[in-house]
Amino acid sequence: MADEDLQQFDFPERSSDEARKYKSRTVFWLGAGPGVVLMHELPGLTEYVADFGRQIADKGYTVFMPVIFGSPFPGPVGALG
């Protein structure tokens, strides 16, 4: 891949009008090594996802787990009744 194919994103100054277009997210991370982004599909970053992230980190990776929507660690998830 040639360098001209790559796009660079420059973060705007926090107090600028441009910065108001973006929403910040909480990102949990752990480990050391090549980076992996682990994204949840249920509302909130659940303990199940975090446990999977810990397993990945134990294999020698840095795991980034952004909270895309919902709140982190919302409690028990997945009970069917």
N, C-alpha and C. Protein backbone atom coordinates (compact mmCIF):
# COMPACT_ATOMS: atom_id res chain seq x y z
N MET A 1 0.84 -1.17 0.00
CA MET A 1 0.00 0.00 0.00
C MET A 1 0.89 1.24 0.00
N ALA A 2 0.59 2.13 -0.88
CA ALA A 2 1.35 3.37 -0.96
C ALA A 2 0.84 4.37 0.08
N ASP A 3 1.73 5.25 0.52
CA ASP A 3 1.35 6.25 1.53
C ASP A 3 0.22 7.15 1.07
N GLU A 4 0.11 7.40 -0.23
CA GLU A 4 -0.94 8.31 -0.69
C GLU A 4 -2.34 7.71 -0.54
N ASP A 5 -2.44 6.40 -0.28
CA ASP A 5 -3.73 5.77 -0.04
C ASP A 5 -4.25 6.01 1.38
N LEU A 6 -3.37 6.39 2.28
CA LEU A 6 -3.73 6.54 3.68
C LEU A 6 -4.34 7.91 3.95
N GLN A 7 -5.31 7.92 4.87
CA GLN A 7 -5.95 9.16 5.29
C GLN A 7 -5.53 9.45 6.73
N GLN A 8 -5.31 10.70 7.05
CA GLN A 8 -4.93 11.08 8.41
C GLN A 8 -6.06 11.89 9.01
N PHE A 9 -6.38 11.61 10.26
CA PHE A 9 -7.38 12.38 10.98
C PHE A 9 -6.67 13.24 12.02
N ASP A 10 -6.86 14.53 11.95
CA ASP A 10 -6.30 15.45 12.94
C ASP A 10 -7.42 15.87 13.88
N PHE A 11 -7.23 15.63 15.17
CA PHE A 11 -8.24 16.00 16.14
C PHE A 11 -8.33 17.52 16.24
N PRO A 12 -9.55 18.06 16.26
CA PRO A 12 -9.69 19.51 16.40
C PRO A 12 -9.43 19.95 17.83
N GLU A 13 -9.14 21.21 18.00
CA GLU A 13 -8.98 21.78 19.34
C GLU A 13 -10.29 21.60 20.12
N ARG A 14 -10.17 21.25 21.42
CA ARG A 14 -11.36 20.95 22.22
C ARG A 14 -12.42 22.04 22.23
N SER A 15 -12.01 23.29 22.24
CA SER A 15 -12.97 24.39 22.37
C SER A 15 -13.46 24.92 21.01
N SER A 16 -13.06 24.27 19.92
CA SER A 16 -13.44 24.79 18.60
C SER A 16 -14.83 24.32 18.19
N ASP A 17 -15.41 25.03 17.21
CA ASP A 17 -16.71 24.63 16.66
C ASP A 17 -16.62 23.25 16.01
N GLU A 18 -15.49 22.93 15.42
CA GLU A 18 -15.28 21.64 14.77
C GLU A 18 -15.39 20.49 15.80
N ALA A 19 -14.88 20.71 17.01
CA ALA A 19 -14.90 19.67 18.04
C ALA A 19 -16.32 19.35 18.49
N ARG A 20 -17.23 20.28 18.37
CA ARG A 20 -18.62 20.04 18.80
C ARG A 20 -19.34 19.03 17.91
N LYS A 21 -18.77 18.71 16.76
CA LYS A 21 -19.37 17.72 15.85
C LYS A 21 -19.14 16.29 16.33
N TYR A 22 -18.18 16.08 17.21
CA TYR A 22 -17.76 14.75 17.62
C TYR A 22 -18.20 14.44 19.04
N LYS A 23 -18.44 13.17 19.31
CA LYS A 23 -18.82 12.74 20.65
C LYS A 23 -17.71 11.85 21.18
N SER A 24 -17.27 12.12 22.39
CA SER A 24 -16.20 11.31 22.97
C SER A 24 -16.78 9.99 23.50
N ARG A 25 -15.94 8.99 23.59
CA ARG A 25 -16.33 7.67 24.08
C ARG A 25 -15.33 7.22 25.15
N THR A 26 -15.81 6.46 26.11
CA THR A 26 -14.94 5.84 27.09
C THR A 26 -14.32 4.61 26.45
N VAL A 27 -13.02 4.44 26.61
CA VAL A 27 -12.33 3.28 26.05
C VAL A 27 -11.52 2.62 27.18
N PHE A 28 -11.83 1.35 27.42
CA PHE A 28 -11.05 0.54 28.36
C PHE A 28 -9.99 -0.20 27.55
N TRP A 29 -8.81 -0.38 28.14
CA TRP A 29 -7.77 -1.12 27.44
C TRP A 29 -6.89 -1.84 28.44
N LEU A 30 -6.24 -2.91 27.97
CA LEU A 30 -5.28 -3.62 28.78
C LEU A 30 -4.38 -4.43 27.88
N GLY A 31 -3.24 -4.84 28.42
CA GLY A 31 -2.31 -5.68 27.69
C GLY A 31 -1.17 -4.90 27.06
N ALA A 32 -0.31 -5.65 26.38
CA ALA A 32 0.83 -5.07 25.67
C ALA A 32 1.07 -5.93 24.44
N GLY A 33 1.35 -5.30 23.34
CA GLY A 33 1.59 -6.01 22.10
C GLY A 33 0.76 -5.41 20.97
N PRO A 34 0.56 -6.15 19.90
CA PRO A 34 -0.23 -5.65 18.78
C PRO A 34 -1.65 -5.29 19.23
N GLY A 35 -2.22 -4.27 18.63
CA GLY A 35 -3.53 -3.78 19.05
C GLY A 35 -4.70 -4.53 18.44
N VAL A 36 -5.73 -4.73 19.26
CA VAL A 36 -6.99 -5.34 18.84
C VAL A 36 -8.11 -4.46 19.37
N VAL A 37 -9.09 -4.15 18.53
CA VAL A 37 -10.27 -3.40 18.97
C VAL A 37 -11.40 -4.41 19.14
N LEU A 38 -11.93 -4.50 20.35
CA LEU A 38 -13.02 -5.42 20.66
C LEU A 38 -14.28 -4.59 20.90
N MET A 39 -15.27 -4.76 20.02
CA MET A 39 -16.48 -3.94 20.09
C MET A 39 -17.66 -4.80 20.52
N HIS A 40 -18.46 -4.27 21.45
CA HIS A 40 -19.64 -4.99 21.94
C HIS A 40 -20.82 -4.74 21.00
N GLU A 41 -21.80 -5.67 21.00
CA GLU A 41 -22.99 -5.48 20.19
C GLU A 41 -24.24 -5.29 21.03
N LEU A 42 -24.19 -5.61 22.30
CA LEU A 42 -25.30 -5.36 23.21
C LEU A 42 -25.06 -4.02 23.89
N PRO A 43 -26.13 -3.36 24.39
CA PRO A 43 -25.92 -2.08 25.07
C PRO A 43 -24.99 -2.22 26.26
N GLY A 44 -23.96 -1.40 26.28
CA GLY A 44 -23.00 -1.39 27.38
C GLY A 44 -21.91 -2.42 27.18
N LEU A 45 -20.76 -2.11 27.69
CA LEU A 45 -19.63 -3.05 27.70
C LEU A 45 -19.87 -4.00 28.86
N THR A 46 -20.21 -5.26 28.55
CA THR A 46 -20.58 -6.22 29.59
C THR A 46 -19.34 -6.92 30.14
N GLU A 47 -19.54 -7.59 31.25
CA GLU A 47 -18.46 -8.35 31.87
C GLU A 47 -18.03 -9.51 30.96
N TYR A 48 -18.96 -10.06 30.19
CA TYR A 48 -18.62 -11.12 29.24
C TYR A 48 -17.61 -10.63 28.20
N VAL A 49 -17.86 -9.45 27.67
CA VAL A 49 -16.95 -8.88 26.67
C VAL A 49 -15.61 -8.56 27.32
N ALA A 50 -15.63 -7.99 28.52
CA ALA A 50 -14.39 -7.67 29.22
C ALA A 50 -13.58 -8.94 29.50
N ASP A 51 -14.27 -10.04 29.87
CA ASP A 51 -13.55 -11.30 30.11
C ASP A 51 -12.90 -11.80 28.83
N PHE A 52 -13.60 -11.68 27.71
CA PHE A 52 -13.02 -12.08 26.43
C PHE A 52 -11.81 -11.20 26.11
N GLY A 53 -11.91 -9.90 26.41
CA GLY A 53 -10.78 -9.00 26.22
C GLY A 53 -9.59 -9.39 27.07
N ARG A 54 -9.84 -9.84 28.29
CA ARG A 54 -8.75 -10.31 29.16
C ARG A 54 -8.07 -11.54 28.57
N GLN A 55 -8.86 -12.43 27.98
CA GLN A 55 -8.28 -13.63 27.35
C GLN A 55 -7.39 -13.24 26.17
N ILE A 56 -7.84 -12.27 25.39
CA ILE A 56 -7.04 -11.81 24.25
C ILE A 56 -5.74 -11.17 24.74
N ALA A 57 -5.84 -10.35 25.78
CA ALA A 57 -4.65 -9.69 26.34
C ALA A 57 -3.67 -10.71 26.89
N ASP A 58 -4.18 -11.79 27.48
CA ASP A 58 -3.31 -12.85 28.00
C ASP A 58 -2.51 -13.54 26.90
N LYS A 59 -2.98 -13.43 25.66
CA LYS A 59 -2.28 -14.04 24.51
C LYS A 59 -1.20 -13.11 23.95
N GLY A 60 -1.05 -11.91 24.55
CA GLY A 60 0.03 -11.01 24.13
C GLY A 60 -0.40 -9.83 23.28
N TYR A 61 -1.66 -9.45 23.37
CA TYR A 61 -2.16 -8.33 22.59
C TYR A 61 -2.57 -7.18 23.50
N THR A 62 -2.63 -5.97 22.93
CA THR A 62 -3.25 -4.84 23.61
C THR A 62 -4.68 -4.78 23.12
N VAL A 63 -5.64 -4.81 24.03
CA VAL A 63 -7.05 -4.84 23.67
C VAL A 63 -7.68 -3.50 24.04
N PHE A 64 -8.33 -2.89 23.07
CA PHE A 64 -9.06 -1.64 23.28
C PHE A 64 -10.55 -1.97 23.20
N MET A 65 -11.30 -1.60 24.24
CA MET A 65 -12.73 -1.90 24.31
C MET A 65 -13.52 -0.60 24.48
N PRO A 66 -13.92 0.04 23.37
CA PRO A 66 -14.70 1.27 23.49
C PRO A 66 -16.15 0.97 23.89
N VAL A 67 -16.73 1.86 24.67
CA VAL A 67 -18.15 1.76 25.02
C VAL A 67 -18.90 2.54 23.93
N ILE A 68 -19.44 1.80 22.96
CA ILE A 68 -20.08 2.42 21.80
C ILE A 68 -21.43 3.03 22.16
N PHE A 69 -22.25 2.28 22.91
CA PHE A 69 -23.54 2.80 23.37
C PHE A 69 -23.89 2.10 24.67
N GLY A 70 -24.75 2.71 25.45
CA GLY A 70 -25.05 2.19 26.78
C GLY A 70 -23.98 2.62 27.76
N SER A 71 -24.01 2.04 28.95
CA SER A 71 -23.01 2.39 29.96
C SER A 71 -22.17 1.15 30.26
N PRO A 72 -20.94 1.36 30.71
CA PRO A 72 -20.08 0.22 30.96
C PRO A 72 -20.57 -0.63 32.14
N PHE A 73 -20.47 -1.94 31.98
CA PHE A 73 -20.80 -2.92 33.00
C PHE A 73 -22.20 -2.71 33.58
N PRO A 74 -23.23 -2.87 32.72
CA PRO A 74 -24.60 -2.60 33.14
C PRO A 74 -25.20 -3.63 34.11
N GLY A 75 -24.52 -4.73 34.37
CA GLY A 75 -25.05 -5.77 35.25
C GLY A 75 -25.31 -7.05 34.46
N PRO A 76 -26.07 -7.97 35.05
CA PRO A 76 -26.31 -9.26 34.39
C PRO A 76 -26.98 -9.07 33.02
N VAL A 77 -26.42 -9.73 32.03
CA VAL A 77 -26.96 -9.66 30.67
C VAL A 77 -27.04 -11.08 30.13
N GLY A 78 -28.07 -11.39 29.39
CA GLY A 78 -28.14 -12.68 28.72
C GLY A 78 -29.05 -13.68 29.40
N ALA A 79 -29.68 -13.33 30.51
CA ALA A 79 -30.60 -14.25 31.14
C ALA A 79 -31.88 -14.33 30.31
N LEU A 80 -32.32 -15.53 30.03
CA LEU A 80 -33.50 -15.71 29.18
C LEU A 80 -34.77 -15.97 29.98
N GLY A 81 -34.70 -15.89 31.26
CA GLY A 81 -35.94 -16.05 32.01
C GLY A 81 -35.80 -16.96 33.10
